[in-house]
Amino acid sequence: MGPEIIFGKIYDFTGYNQINEALFRHLVIARLSFPLSKLKTIDYLYRYHGVSLNISSVYRFLDKLNSRLKGQVEQIAFNYTKKF
């Protein structure tokens, strides 16, 4: 729960909570906490958060991220950096 508390606050503060995809939040925080392979990320999410995923769902989501959400993610990052 430690990484979720720390990285979750940063995730929300930067504005990524505008993306209404629970899997996006899980993947971002898990990859920041434990930057391992996608398979190890799935294991981490199941072991520490009870989120059961298969590798195909992760790859499908990454395709969706690239095709539909990439612009929104970039805009959120850009808007956050403009504050400083």
C-alpha atoms as a PDB file:
ATOM      1  CA  MET A   1       0.000   0.000   0.000  1.00  0.00           C
ATOM      2  CA  GLY A   2       2.963   2.366   0.424  1.00  0.00           C
ATOM      3  CA  PRO A   3       3.573   2.946  -3.292  1.00  0.00           C
ATOM      4  CA  GLU A   4      -0.146   3.495  -3.868  1.00  0.00           C
ATOM      5  CA  ILE A   5      -0.211   6.201  -1.202  1.00  0.00           C
ATOM      6  CA  ILE A   6       2.887   8.058  -2.407  1.00  0.00           C
ATOM      7  CA  PHE A   7       2.590   7.604  -6.173  1.00  0.00           C
ATOM      8  CA  GLY A   8      -1.198   7.830  -6.030  1.00  0.00           C
ATOM      9  CA  LYS A   9      -0.975  11.357  -4.624  1.00  0.00           C
ATOM     10  CA  ILE A  10       1.509  12.356  -7.314  1.00  0.00           C
ATOM     11  CA  TYR A  11      -0.680  10.733  -9.971  1.00  0.00           C
ATOM     12  CA  ASP A  12      -3.693  12.723  -8.781  1.00  0.00           C
ATOM     13  CA  PHE A  13      -1.756  15.958  -8.262  1.00  0.00           C
ATOM     14  CA  THR A  14      -0.369  15.986 -11.783  1.00  0.00           C
ATOM     15  CA  GLY A  15      -3.875  15.494 -13.179  1.00  0.00           C
ATOM     16  CA  TYR A  16      -3.751  11.956 -14.510  1.00  0.00           C
ATOM     17  CA  ASN A  17      -6.860  11.155 -12.480  1.00  0.00           C
ATOM     18  CA  GLN A  18      -8.766  12.814 -15.351  1.00  0.00           C
ATOM     19  CA  ILE A  19      -8.232   9.582 -17.285  1.00  0.00           C
ATOM     20  CA  ASN A  20     -11.118   7.340 -16.274  1.00  0.00           C
ATOM     21  CA  GLU A  21      -9.321   4.048 -16.716  1.00  0.00           C
ATOM     22  CA  ALA A  22      -8.568   2.092 -13.549  1.00  0.00           C
ATOM     23  CA  LEU A  23      -6.055  -0.068 -15.411  1.00  0.00           C
ATOM     24  CA  PHE A  24      -4.090   3.036 -16.421  1.00  0.00           C
ATOM     25  CA  ARG A  25      -3.688   4.042 -12.776  1.00  0.00           C
ATOM     26  CA  HIS A  26      -2.714   0.505 -11.759  1.00  0.00           C
ATOM     27  CA  LEU A  27      -0.127   0.204 -14.516  1.00  0.00           C
ATOM     28  CA  VAL A  28       1.402   3.630 -13.946  1.00  0.00           C
ATOM     29  CA  ILE A  29       1.810   3.166 -10.204  1.00  0.00           C
ATOM     30  CA  ALA A  30       2.990  -0.430 -10.515  1.00  0.00           C
ATOM     31  CA  ARG A  31       5.582   0.446 -13.157  1.00  0.00           C
ATOM     32  CA  LEU A  32       6.857   3.373 -11.081  1.00  0.00           C
ATOM     33  CA  SER A  33       7.096   1.196  -7.975  1.00  0.00           C
ATOM     34  CA  PHE A  34       8.492  -1.919  -9.604  1.00  0.00           C
ATOM     35  CA  PRO A  35       9.787  -1.214 -13.127  1.00  0.00           C
ATOM     36  CA  LEU A  36       9.779  -4.802 -14.301  1.00  0.00           C
ATOM     37  CA  SER A  37       8.339  -6.687 -17.238  1.00  0.00           C
ATOM     38  CA  LYS A  38       4.640  -6.660 -18.001  1.00  0.00           C
ATOM     39  CA  LEU A  39       4.329 -10.224 -16.687  1.00  0.00           C
ATOM     40  CA  LYS A  40       5.984  -9.262 -13.406  1.00  0.00           C
ATOM     41  CA  THR A  41       3.716  -6.211 -13.228  1.00  0.00           C
ATOM     42  CA  ILE A  42       0.689  -8.498 -13.521  1.00  0.00           C
ATOM     43  CA  ASP A  43       2.079 -10.665 -10.718  1.00  0.00           C
ATOM     44  CA  TYR A  44       2.687  -7.585  -8.563  1.00  0.00           C
ATOM     45  CA  LEU A  45      -0.839  -6.274  -9.110  1.00  0.00           C
ATOM     46  CA  TYR A  46      -2.357  -9.623  -8.209  1.00  0.00           C
ATOM     47  CA  ARG A  47      -0.166 -10.228  -5.175  1.00  0.00           C
ATOM     48  CA  TYR A  48      -0.352  -6.775  -3.605  1.00  0.00           C
ATOM     49  CA  HIS A  49      -3.622  -5.337  -4.912  1.00  0.00           C
ATOM     50  CA  GLY A  50      -5.765  -8.347  -5.742  1.00  0.00           C
ATOM     51  CA  VAL A  51      -6.128  -7.201  -9.352  1.00  0.00           C
ATOM     52  CA  SER A  52      -6.303 -10.225 -11.622  1.00  0.00           C
ATOM     53  CA  LEU A  53      -5.197  -9.565 -15.209  1.00  0.00           C
ATOM     54  CA  ASN A  54      -3.918 -11.582 -18.092  1.00  0.00           C
ATOM     55  CA  ILE A  55      -1.190 -10.426 -20.429  1.00  0.00           C
ATOM     56  CA  SER A  56      -3.600 -10.085 -23.353  1.00  0.00           C
ATOM     57  CA  SER A  57      -5.713  -7.529 -21.501  1.00  0.00           C
ATOM     58  CA  VAL A  58      -2.602  -5.489 -20.748  1.00  0.00           C
ATOM     59  CA  TYR A  59      -1.529  -5.494 -24.394  1.00  0.00           C
ATOM     60  CA  ARG A  60      -5.061  -4.573 -25.516  1.00  0.00           C
ATOM     61  CA  PHE A  61      -5.076  -1.703 -23.057  1.00  0.00           C
ATOM     62  CA  LEU A  62      -1.668  -0.509 -24.284  1.00  0.00           C
ATOM     63  CA  ASP A  63      -3.033  -0.500 -27.835  1.00  0.00           C
ATOM     64  CA  LYS A  64      -5.996   1.550 -26.617  1.00  0.00           C
ATOM     65  CA  LEU A  65      -3.640   3.868 -24.764  1.00  0.00           C
ATOM     66  CA  ASN A  66      -1.623   4.437 -27.913  1.00  0.00           C
ATOM     67  CA  SER A  67      -4.601   4.904 -30.222  1.00  0.00           C
ATOM     68  CA  ARG A  68      -7.094   6.795 -28.012  1.00  0.00           C
ATOM     69  CA  LEU A  69      -5.536   8.081 -24.814  1.00  0.00           C
ATOM     70  CA  LYS A  70      -2.041   9.146 -25.868  1.00  0.00           C
ATOM     71  CA  GLY A  71      -3.068  12.696 -26.735  1.00  0.00           C
ATOM     72  CA  GLN A  72      -4.889  13.148 -23.450  1.00  0.00           C
ATOM     73  CA  VAL A  73      -1.921  11.805 -21.460  1.00  0.00           C
ATOM     74  CA  GLU A  74       0.454  14.141 -23.316  1.00  0.00           C
ATOM     75  CA  GLN A  75      -1.846  17.130 -22.778  1.00  0.00           C
ATOM     76  CA  ILE A  76      -2.082  16.448 -19.038  1.00  0.00           C
ATOM     77  CA  ALA A  77       1.714  16.245 -18.772  1.00  0.00           C
ATOM     78  CA  PHE A  78       2.108  19.431 -20.832  1.00  0.00           C
ATOM     79  CA  ASN A  79      -0.450  21.347 -18.756  1.00  0.00           C
ATOM     80  CA  TYR A  80       1.231  20.259 -15.538  1.00  0.00           C
ATOM     81  CA  THR A  81       4.672  21.396 -16.706  1.00  0.00           C
ATOM     82  CA  LYS A  82       3.277  24.787 -17.807  1.00  0.00           C
ATOM     83  CA  LYS A  83       2.511  25.561 -14.162  1.00  0.00           C
ATOM     84  CA  PHE A  84       6.210  25.897 -13.441  1.00  0.00           C
END
